[in-house]
Amino acid sequence: MLTQTMIKHETSNQRGRPVRPALPAASHSLTGQIGLIGAEMPFSRNSEIYGENEQAEYVYKVVSGSVRTYKVLNDGRRQIGAFYLPGDVFGLEIGGKHTFSAEAVVDCKILVIKRSALVTLAGRNNDVARELWTMTAGELQRAQGHVMLLIKTAQERMAGFLLEMSARALSGNEVDLPMSRQDIADYLGLTIETVSRTLTQLENLAAIAVPSSRRIVLRNRNALSRLNS
């Protein structure tokens, strides 16, 4: 497990030199700036990136792989809050502590940047400040959408999830899922048995095809969209 202390060491002394250059030009985007002033770190499958209630000292961007954020409920069940794919930024918090834990779903490369560096950058660059605000508001909207998803039927939840993953992965009608069926169940608030049964139901309706456990083909987007509406 890579701790916050290890991250501090890596981000301040990568290859024996500081990784933070002078503040870049105002014309660059926020995600571009993270690429310029962040330190790339590897995280192995299922390793913790940060824990719930830890100080939110860093912001993260997925370079490769995928990440899940989650809470463990009082009864021991796990509720996954979000999945992050290459290009996504995560770890943005309104307060000073992380409200969820974050783990690598598969082997990942993650850009890590000091939160204070982003705040400084946003203070000097109005475009970056607006982009940071938009990104934070988008996280809130995503969380609200997830809450609404959890009150739907199992078929509606699965249809919404598959359409979301297809849109985010930009992969057309073929969706390669990096997460396991258990991950999907914990994201959708279902049992793993219900996830498998619902996928079979959608396959029988000719809405999807399931050539393998991690690959889904969307055969009838209209049918999925009607379920998700």
C-alpha atoms as a PDB file:
ATOM      1  CA  MET A   1       0.000   0.000   0.000  1.00  0.00           C
ATOM      2  CA  LEU A   2       1.305   3.448  -0.917  1.00  0.00           C
ATOM      3  CA  THR A   3       0.777   5.847   1.933  1.00  0.00           C
ATOM      4  CA  GLN A   4       0.315   9.619   1.898  1.00  0.00           C
ATOM      5  CA  THR A   5       3.883   9.918   3.228  1.00  0.00           C
ATOM      6  CA  MET A   6       5.200   7.932   0.266  1.00  0.00           C
ATOM      7  CA  ILE A   7       3.214  10.152  -2.103  1.00  0.00           C
ATOM      8  CA  LYS A   8       4.729  13.236  -0.489  1.00  0.00           C
ATOM      9  CA  HIS A   9       8.201  11.828  -1.057  1.00  0.00           C
ATOM     10  CA  GLU A  10       7.535  10.928  -4.690  1.00  0.00           C
ATOM     11  CA  THR A  11       5.879  14.213  -5.591  1.00  0.00           C
ATOM     12  CA  SER A  12       8.690  16.263  -4.056  1.00  0.00           C
ATOM     13  CA  ASN A  13      11.655  14.201  -5.213  1.00  0.00           C
ATOM     14  CA  GLN A  14      11.025  12.275  -8.408  1.00  0.00           C
ATOM     15  CA  ARG A  15      14.235  11.177 -10.160  1.00  0.00           C
ATOM     16  CA  GLY A  16      16.197  13.144  -7.612  1.00  0.00           C
ATOM     17  CA  ARG A  17      14.778  16.546  -8.515  1.00  0.00           C
ATOM     18  CA  PRO A  18      11.641  18.590  -7.767  1.00  0.00           C
ATOM     19  CA  VAL A  19       8.734  17.814 -10.063  1.00  0.00           C
ATOM     20  CA  ARG A  20       6.959  21.145  -9.748  1.00  0.00           C
ATOM     21  CA  PRO A  21       8.031  23.627 -12.431  1.00  0.00           C
ATOM     22  CA  ALA A  22       7.179  27.310 -12.547  1.00  0.00           C
ATOM     23  CA  LEU A  23       3.479  27.996 -12.964  1.00  0.00           C
ATOM     24  CA  PRO A  24       2.627  27.331 -16.623  1.00  0.00           C
ATOM     25  CA  ALA A  25       1.024  29.640 -19.143  1.00  0.00           C
ATOM     26  CA  ALA A  26      -2.577  30.717 -18.665  1.00  0.00           C
ATOM     27  CA  SER A  27      -3.666  29.252 -21.989  1.00  0.00           C
ATOM     28  CA  HIS A  28      -3.244  25.659 -20.790  1.00  0.00           C
ATOM     29  CA  SER A  29      -6.230  23.700 -19.504  1.00  0.00           C
ATOM     30  CA  LEU A  30      -6.541  22.420 -15.956  1.00  0.00           C
ATOM     31  CA  THR A  31      -6.087  18.801 -17.018  1.00  0.00           C
ATOM     32  CA  GLY A  32      -3.065  19.854 -19.049  1.00  0.00           C
ATOM     33  CA  GLN A  33      -1.593  21.587 -16.029  1.00  0.00           C
ATOM     34  CA  ILE A  34      -2.054  18.460 -13.927  1.00  0.00           C
ATOM     35  CA  GLY A  35      -0.049  16.612 -16.560  1.00  0.00           C
ATOM     36  CA  LEU A  36       2.706  19.228 -16.379  1.00  0.00           C
ATOM     37  CA  ILE A  37       3.046  19.662 -12.633  1.00  0.00           C
ATOM     38  CA  GLY A  38       1.881  16.255 -11.395  1.00  0.00           C
ATOM     39  CA  ALA A  39       4.038  13.233 -10.570  1.00  0.00           C
ATOM     40  CA  GLU A  40       3.131   9.903 -12.206  1.00  0.00           C
ATOM     41  CA  MET A  41       2.890   6.986  -9.796  1.00  0.00           C
ATOM     42  CA  PRO A  42       2.005   3.298 -10.283  1.00  0.00           C
ATOM     43  CA  PHE A  43      -0.662   1.577  -8.197  1.00  0.00           C
ATOM     44  CA  SER A  44      -1.155  -2.176  -8.383  1.00  0.00           C
ATOM     45  CA  ARG A  45      -4.537  -3.867  -8.628  1.00  0.00           C
ATOM     46  CA  ASN A  46      -6.664  -3.455  -5.461  1.00  0.00           C
ATOM     47  CA  SER A  47      -4.090  -1.205  -3.778  1.00  0.00           C
ATOM     48  CA  GLU A  48      -5.319   1.801  -1.794  1.00  0.00           C
ATOM     49  CA  ILE A  49      -4.682   5.263  -3.215  1.00  0.00           C
ATOM     50  CA  TYR A  50      -6.176   7.092  -0.251  1.00  0.00           C
ATOM     51  CA  GLY A  51      -8.471   6.257   2.629  1.00  0.00           C
ATOM     52  CA  GLU A  52     -11.726   7.677   3.895  1.00  0.00           C
ATOM     53  CA  ASN A  53     -11.208  10.571   6.328  1.00  0.00           C
ATOM     54  CA  GLU A  54      -7.571  11.037   5.313  1.00  0.00           C
ATOM     55  CA  GLN A  55      -6.469  14.609   4.668  1.00  0.00           C
ATOM     56  CA  ALA A  56      -7.242  15.601   1.067  1.00  0.00           C
ATOM     57  CA  GLU A  57      -3.755  16.908   0.302  1.00  0.00           C
ATOM     58  CA  TYR A  58      -3.606  15.668  -3.281  1.00  0.00           C
ATOM     59  CA  VAL A  59      -5.707  15.525  -6.447  1.00  0.00           C
ATOM     60  CA  TYR A  60      -5.356  12.647  -8.883  1.00  0.00           C
ATOM     61  CA  LYS A  61      -5.733  11.988 -12.613  1.00  0.00           C
ATOM     62  CA  VAL A  62      -6.019   8.513 -14.151  1.00  0.00           C
ATOM     63  CA  VAL A  63      -3.407   7.976 -16.866  1.00  0.00           C
ATOM     64  CA  SER A  64      -4.144   4.288 -17.403  1.00  0.00           C
ATOM     65  CA  GLY A  65      -6.279   1.679 -15.679  1.00  0.00           C
ATOM     66  CA  SER A  66      -9.340   2.471 -13.593  1.00  0.00           C
ATOM     67  CA  VAL A  67     -10.122   3.509 -10.022  1.00  0.00           C
ATOM     68  CA  ARG A  68     -13.100   2.983  -7.707  1.00  0.00           C
ATOM     69  CA  THR A  69     -14.136   5.104  -4.738  1.00  0.00           C
ATOM     70  CA  TYR A  70     -16.142   3.446  -1.986  1.00  0.00           C
ATOM     71  CA  LYS A  71     -17.415   3.414   1.579  1.00  0.00           C
ATOM     72  CA  VAL A  72     -17.763   0.419   3.883  1.00  0.00           C
ATOM     73  CA  LEU A  73     -21.161   0.639   5.574  1.00  0.00           C
ATOM     74  CA  ASN A  74     -21.857  -0.126   9.219  1.00  0.00           C
ATOM     75  CA  ASP A  75     -23.122  -3.617   8.371  1.00  0.00           C
ATOM     76  CA  GLY A  76     -19.943  -4.425   6.429  1.00  0.00           C
ATOM     77  CA  ARG A  77     -21.388  -3.933   2.964  1.00  0.00           C
ATOM     78  CA  ARG A  78     -19.369  -1.936   0.444  1.00  0.00           C
ATOM     79  CA  GLN A  79     -20.972   0.883  -1.546  1.00  0.00           C
ATOM     80  CA  ILE A  80     -18.989   2.032  -4.559  1.00  0.00           C
ATOM     81  CA  GLY A  81     -19.516   5.716  -5.267  1.00  0.00           C
ATOM     82  CA  ALA A  82     -17.819   6.095  -8.644  1.00  0.00           C
ATOM     83  CA  PHE A  83     -15.503   4.584 -11.235  1.00  0.00           C
ATOM     84  CA  TYR A  84     -12.776   6.693 -12.826  1.00  0.00           C
ATOM     85  CA  LEU A  85     -11.293   5.927 -16.245  1.00  0.00           C
ATOM     86  CA  PRO A  86      -8.254   7.286 -18.137  1.00  0.00           C
ATOM     87  CA  GLY A  87      -8.418  11.065 -18.320  1.00  0.00           C
ATOM     88  CA  ASP A  88     -10.678  11.414 -15.269  1.00  0.00           C
ATOM     89  CA  VAL A  89      -9.663  13.570 -12.317  1.00  0.00           C
ATOM     90  CA  PHE A  90     -10.661  12.406  -8.832  1.00  0.00           C
ATOM     91  CA  GLY A  91      -9.998  13.261  -5.211  1.00  0.00           C
ATOM     92  CA  LEU A  92     -11.650  16.675  -5.496  1.00  0.00           C
ATOM     93  CA  GLU A  93     -13.184  17.481  -2.122  1.00  0.00           C
ATOM     94  CA  ILE A  94     -15.159  20.448  -0.819  1.00  0.00           C
ATOM     95  CA  GLY A  95     -13.804  19.886   2.689  1.00  0.00           C
ATOM     96  CA  GLY A  96     -10.350  19.032   3.940  1.00  0.00           C
ATOM     97  CA  LYS A  97     -10.810  15.247   4.175  1.00  0.00           C
ATOM     98  CA  HIS A  98     -11.684  12.493   1.734  1.00  0.00           C
ATOM     99  CA  THR A  99     -15.284  11.322   2.089  1.00  0.00           C
ATOM    100  CA  PHE A 100     -14.572   8.015   0.280  1.00  0.00           C
ATOM    101  CA  SER A 101     -11.639   5.637  -0.018  1.00  0.00           C
ATOM    102  CA  ALA A 102     -10.044   5.108  -3.434  1.00  0.00           C
ATOM    103  CA  GLU A 103      -8.529   1.895  -4.821  1.00  0.00           C
ATOM    104  CA  ALA A 104      -7.057   0.783  -8.113  1.00  0.00           C
ATOM    105  CA  VAL A 105      -9.444  -1.583  -9.908  1.00  0.00           C
ATOM    106  CA  VAL A 106      -6.586  -2.858 -12.083  1.00  0.00           C
ATOM    107  CA  ASP A 107      -2.925  -1.886 -12.347  1.00  0.00           C
ATOM    108  CA  CYS A 108      -2.940   1.886 -12.778  1.00  0.00           C
ATOM    109  CA  LYS A 109      -0.754   4.847 -13.523  1.00  0.00           C
ATOM    110  CA  ILE A 110      -1.943   7.932 -11.674  1.00  0.00           C
ATOM    111  CA  LEU A 111      -0.816  11.558 -11.829  1.00  0.00           C
ATOM    112  CA  VAL A 112      -0.634  12.996  -8.313  1.00  0.00           C
ATOM    113  CA  ILE A 113      -0.630  16.744  -7.697  1.00  0.00           C
ATOM    114  CA  LYS A 114      -0.653  18.795  -4.529  1.00  0.00           C
ATOM    115  CA  ARG A 115      -4.051  20.331  -3.892  1.00  0.00           C
ATOM    116  CA  SER A 116      -2.349  23.543  -2.760  1.00  0.00           C
ATOM    117  CA  ALA A 117      -0.621  23.805  -6.152  1.00  0.00           C
ATOM    118  CA  LEU A 118      -3.999  23.665  -7.912  1.00  0.00           C
ATOM    119  CA  VAL A 119      -5.432  26.280  -5.576  1.00  0.00           C
ATOM    120  CA  THR A 120      -2.460  28.558  -6.294  1.00  0.00           C
ATOM    121  CA  LEU A 121      -2.831  27.994 -10.022  1.00  0.00           C
ATOM    122  CA  ALA A 122      -6.557  28.708  -9.905  1.00  0.00           C
ATOM    123  CA  GLY A 123      -5.864  31.916  -7.986  1.00  0.00           C
ATOM    124  CA  ARG A 124      -3.638  33.161 -10.799  1.00  0.00           C
ATOM    125  CA  ASN A 125      -5.628  31.891 -13.765  1.00  0.00           C
ATOM    126  CA  ASN A 126      -9.347  32.587 -14.125  1.00  0.00           C
ATOM    127  CA  ASP A 127      -9.778  29.980 -16.854  1.00  0.00           C
ATOM    128  CA  VAL A 128      -8.288  27.269 -14.643  1.00  0.00           C
ATOM    129  CA  ALA A 129     -10.426  28.470 -11.710  1.00  0.00           C
ATOM    130  CA  ARG A 130     -13.587  28.145 -13.802  1.00  0.00           C
ATOM    131  CA  GLU A 131     -12.545  24.716 -15.065  1.00  0.00           C
ATOM    132  CA  LEU A 132     -11.818  23.570 -11.520  1.00  0.00           C
ATOM    133  CA  TRP A 133     -15.232  24.820 -10.394  1.00  0.00           C
ATOM    134  CA  THR A 134     -16.925  23.100 -13.350  1.00  0.00           C
ATOM    135  CA  MET A 135     -15.118  19.850 -12.582  1.00  0.00           C
ATOM    136  CA  THR A 136     -16.112  20.003  -8.903  1.00  0.00           C
ATOM    137  CA  ALA A 137     -19.730  20.788  -9.835  1.00  0.00           C
ATOM    138  CA  GLY A 138     -19.652  17.849 -12.239  1.00  0.00           C
ATOM    139  CA  GLU A 139     -18.617  15.552  -9.394  1.00  0.00           C
ATOM    140  CA  LEU A 140     -21.599  16.776  -7.372  1.00  0.00           C
ATOM    141  CA  GLN A 141     -23.923  16.200 -10.330  1.00  0.00           C
ATOM    142  CA  ARG A 142     -22.500  12.698 -10.805  1.00  0.00           C
ATOM    143  CA  ALA A 143     -23.113  11.900  -7.136  1.00  0.00           C
ATOM    144  CA  GLN A 144     -26.705  13.150  -7.398  1.00  0.00           C
ATOM    145  CA  GLY A 145     -27.242  11.043 -10.509  1.00  0.00           C
ATOM    146  CA  HIS A 146     -25.927   7.994  -8.710  1.00  0.00           C
ATOM    147  CA  VAL A 147     -28.403   8.531  -5.860  1.00  0.00           C
ATOM    148  CA  MET A 148     -31.256   8.662  -8.389  1.00  0.00           C
ATOM    149  CA  LEU A 149     -29.957   5.505 -10.072  1.00  0.00           C
ATOM    150  CA  LEU A 150     -30.181   3.564  -6.809  1.00  0.00           C
ATOM    151  CA  ILE A 151     -33.967   4.015  -6.562  1.00  0.00           C
ATOM    152  CA  LYS A 152     -34.632   2.398  -9.956  1.00  0.00           C
ATOM    153  CA  THR A 153     -35.331  -1.236 -10.804  1.00  0.00           C
ATOM    154  CA  ALA A 154     -32.455  -3.635 -11.427  1.00  0.00           C
ATOM    155  CA  GLN A 155     -32.951  -3.517 -15.212  1.00  0.00           C
ATOM    156  CA  GLU A 156     -33.100   0.277 -15.167  1.00  0.00           C
ATOM    157  CA  ARG A 157     -29.931   0.489 -13.087  1.00  0.00           C
ATOM    158  CA  MET A 158     -28.044  -1.874 -15.369  1.00  0.00           C
ATOM    159  CA  ALA A 159     -29.215  -0.110 -18.531  1.00  0.00           C
ATOM    160  CA  GLY A 160     -28.126   3.246 -17.131  1.00  0.00           C
ATOM    161  CA  PHE A 161     -24.740   1.871 -16.080  1.00  0.00           C
ATOM    162  CA  LEU A 162     -24.008   0.309 -19.479  1.00  0.00           C
ATOM    163  CA  LEU A 163     -24.998   3.475 -21.337  1.00  0.00           C
ATOM    164  CA  GLU A 164     -22.833   5.568 -19.023  1.00  0.00           C
ATOM    165  CA  MET A 165     -19.800   3.323 -19.453  1.00  0.00           C
ATOM    166  CA  SER A 166     -20.262   3.267 -23.218  1.00  0.00           C
ATOM    167  CA  ALA A 167     -20.421   7.067 -23.366  1.00  0.00           C
ATOM    168  CA  ARG A 168     -17.372   7.542 -21.135  1.00  0.00           C
ATOM    169  CA  ALA A 169     -15.204   4.945 -22.847  1.00  0.00           C
ATOM    170  CA  LEU A 170     -16.054   6.283 -26.332  1.00  0.00           C
ATOM    171  CA  SER A 171     -15.992   2.693 -27.522  1.00  0.00           C
ATOM    172  CA  GLY A 172     -19.106   2.578 -29.664  1.00  0.00           C
ATOM    173  CA  ASN A 173     -21.399  -0.353 -28.970  1.00  0.00           C
ATOM    174  CA  GLU A 174     -18.705  -2.559 -27.426  1.00  0.00           C
ATOM    175  CA  VAL A 175     -18.026  -1.891 -23.747  1.00  0.00           C
ATOM    176  CA  ASP A 176     -14.968  -3.416 -22.094  1.00  0.00           C
ATOM    177  CA  LEU A 177     -15.536  -3.320 -18.353  1.00  0.00           C
ATOM    178  CA  PRO A 178     -12.398  -3.197 -16.188  1.00  0.00           C
ATOM    179  CA  MET A 179     -14.408  -3.837 -13.030  1.00  0.00           C
ATOM    180  CA  SER A 180     -15.726  -7.163 -11.745  1.00  0.00           C
ATOM    181  CA  ARG A 181     -19.362  -8.203 -11.408  1.00  0.00           C
ATOM    182  CA  GLN A 182     -18.995  -7.664  -7.653  1.00  0.00           C
ATOM    183  CA  ASP A 183     -17.810  -4.102  -8.302  1.00  0.00           C
ATOM    184  CA  ILE A 184     -20.830  -3.485 -10.525  1.00  0.00           C
ATOM    185  CA  ALA A 185     -23.128  -4.927  -7.861  1.00  0.00           C
ATOM    186  CA  ASP A 186     -21.630  -2.690  -5.188  1.00  0.00           C
ATOM    187  CA  TYR A 187     -21.987   0.355  -7.460  1.00  0.00           C
ATOM    188  CA  LEU A 188     -25.605  -0.382  -8.366  1.00  0.00           C
ATOM    189  CA  GLY A 189     -26.658  -1.445  -4.866  1.00  0.00           C
ATOM    190  CA  LEU A 190     -27.508  -4.982  -6.032  1.00  0.00           C
ATOM    191  CA  THR A 191     -26.287  -8.481  -5.235  1.00  0.00           C
ATOM    192  CA  ILE A 192     -23.893 -10.151  -7.629  1.00  0.00           C
ATOM    193  CA  GLU A 193     -26.589 -12.724  -8.366  1.00  0.00           C
ATOM    194  CA  THR A 194     -29.006  -9.960  -9.369  1.00  0.00           C
ATOM    195  CA  VAL A 195     -26.372  -8.395 -11.628  1.00  0.00           C
ATOM    196  CA  SER A 196     -25.826 -11.702 -13.441  1.00  0.00           C
ATOM    197  CA  ARG A 197     -29.561 -12.359 -13.687  1.00  0.00           C
ATOM    198  CA  THR A 198     -30.268  -8.854 -15.007  1.00  0.00           C
ATOM    199  CA  LEU A 199     -27.577  -9.113 -17.670  1.00  0.00           C
ATOM    200  CA  THR A 200     -29.152 -12.409 -18.796  1.00  0.00           C
ATOM    201  CA  GLN A 201     -32.589 -10.737 -18.931  1.00  0.00           C
ATOM    202  CA  LEU A 202     -31.250  -7.895 -21.070  1.00  0.00           C
ATOM    203  CA  GLU A 203     -29.513 -10.423 -23.294  1.00  0.00           C
ATOM    204  CA  ASN A 204     -32.756 -12.372 -23.712  1.00  0.00           C
ATOM    205  CA  LEU A 205     -34.472  -9.114 -24.697  1.00  0.00           C
ATOM    206  CA  ALA A 206     -31.809  -8.676 -27.410  1.00  0.00           C
ATOM    207  CA  ALA A 207     -30.807  -5.357 -25.827  1.00  0.00           C
ATOM    208  CA  ILE A 208     -27.224  -6.558 -25.238  1.00  0.00           C
ATOM    209  CA  ALA A 209     -24.871  -9.422 -25.997  1.00  0.00           C
ATOM    210  CA  VAL A 210     -22.396 -10.763 -23.438  1.00  0.00           C
ATOM    211  CA  PRO A 211     -19.510 -12.419 -25.305  1.00  0.00           C
ATOM    212  CA  SER A 212     -17.414 -12.515 -22.110  1.00  0.00           C
ATOM    213  CA  SER A 213     -17.689 -11.513 -18.463  1.00  0.00           C
ATOM    214  CA  ARG A 214     -15.891  -8.198 -19.081  1.00  0.00           C
ATOM    215  CA  ARG A 215     -17.235  -7.341 -22.548  1.00  0.00           C
ATOM    216  CA  ILE A 216     -20.776  -6.168 -23.273  1.00  0.00           C
ATOM    217  CA  VAL A 217     -22.138  -5.352 -26.728  1.00  0.00           C
ATOM    218  CA  LEU A 218     -25.015  -2.862 -26.836  1.00  0.00           C
ATOM    219  CA  ARG A 219     -27.329  -4.289 -29.487  1.00  0.00           C
ATOM    220  CA  ASN A 220     -30.338  -2.022 -28.930  1.00  0.00           C
ATOM    221  CA  ARG A 221     -29.506   1.375 -27.469  1.00  0.00           C
ATOM    222  CA  ASN A 222     -33.089   2.560 -27.832  1.00  0.00           C
ATOM    223  CA  ALA A 223     -34.325  -0.252 -25.605  1.00  0.00           C
ATOM    224  CA  LEU A 224     -31.663   0.532 -23.019  1.00  0.00           C
ATOM    225  CA  SER A 225     -32.494   4.244 -23.196  1.00  0.00           C
ATOM    226  CA  ARG A 226     -36.182   3.547 -22.629  1.00  0.00           C
ATOM    227  CA  LEU A 227     -35.310   1.526 -19.548  1.00  0.00           C
ATOM    228  CA  ASN A 228     -33.046   4.322 -18.313  1.00  0.00           C
ATOM    229  CA  SER A 229     -35.554   7.131 -18.859  1.00  0.00           C
END
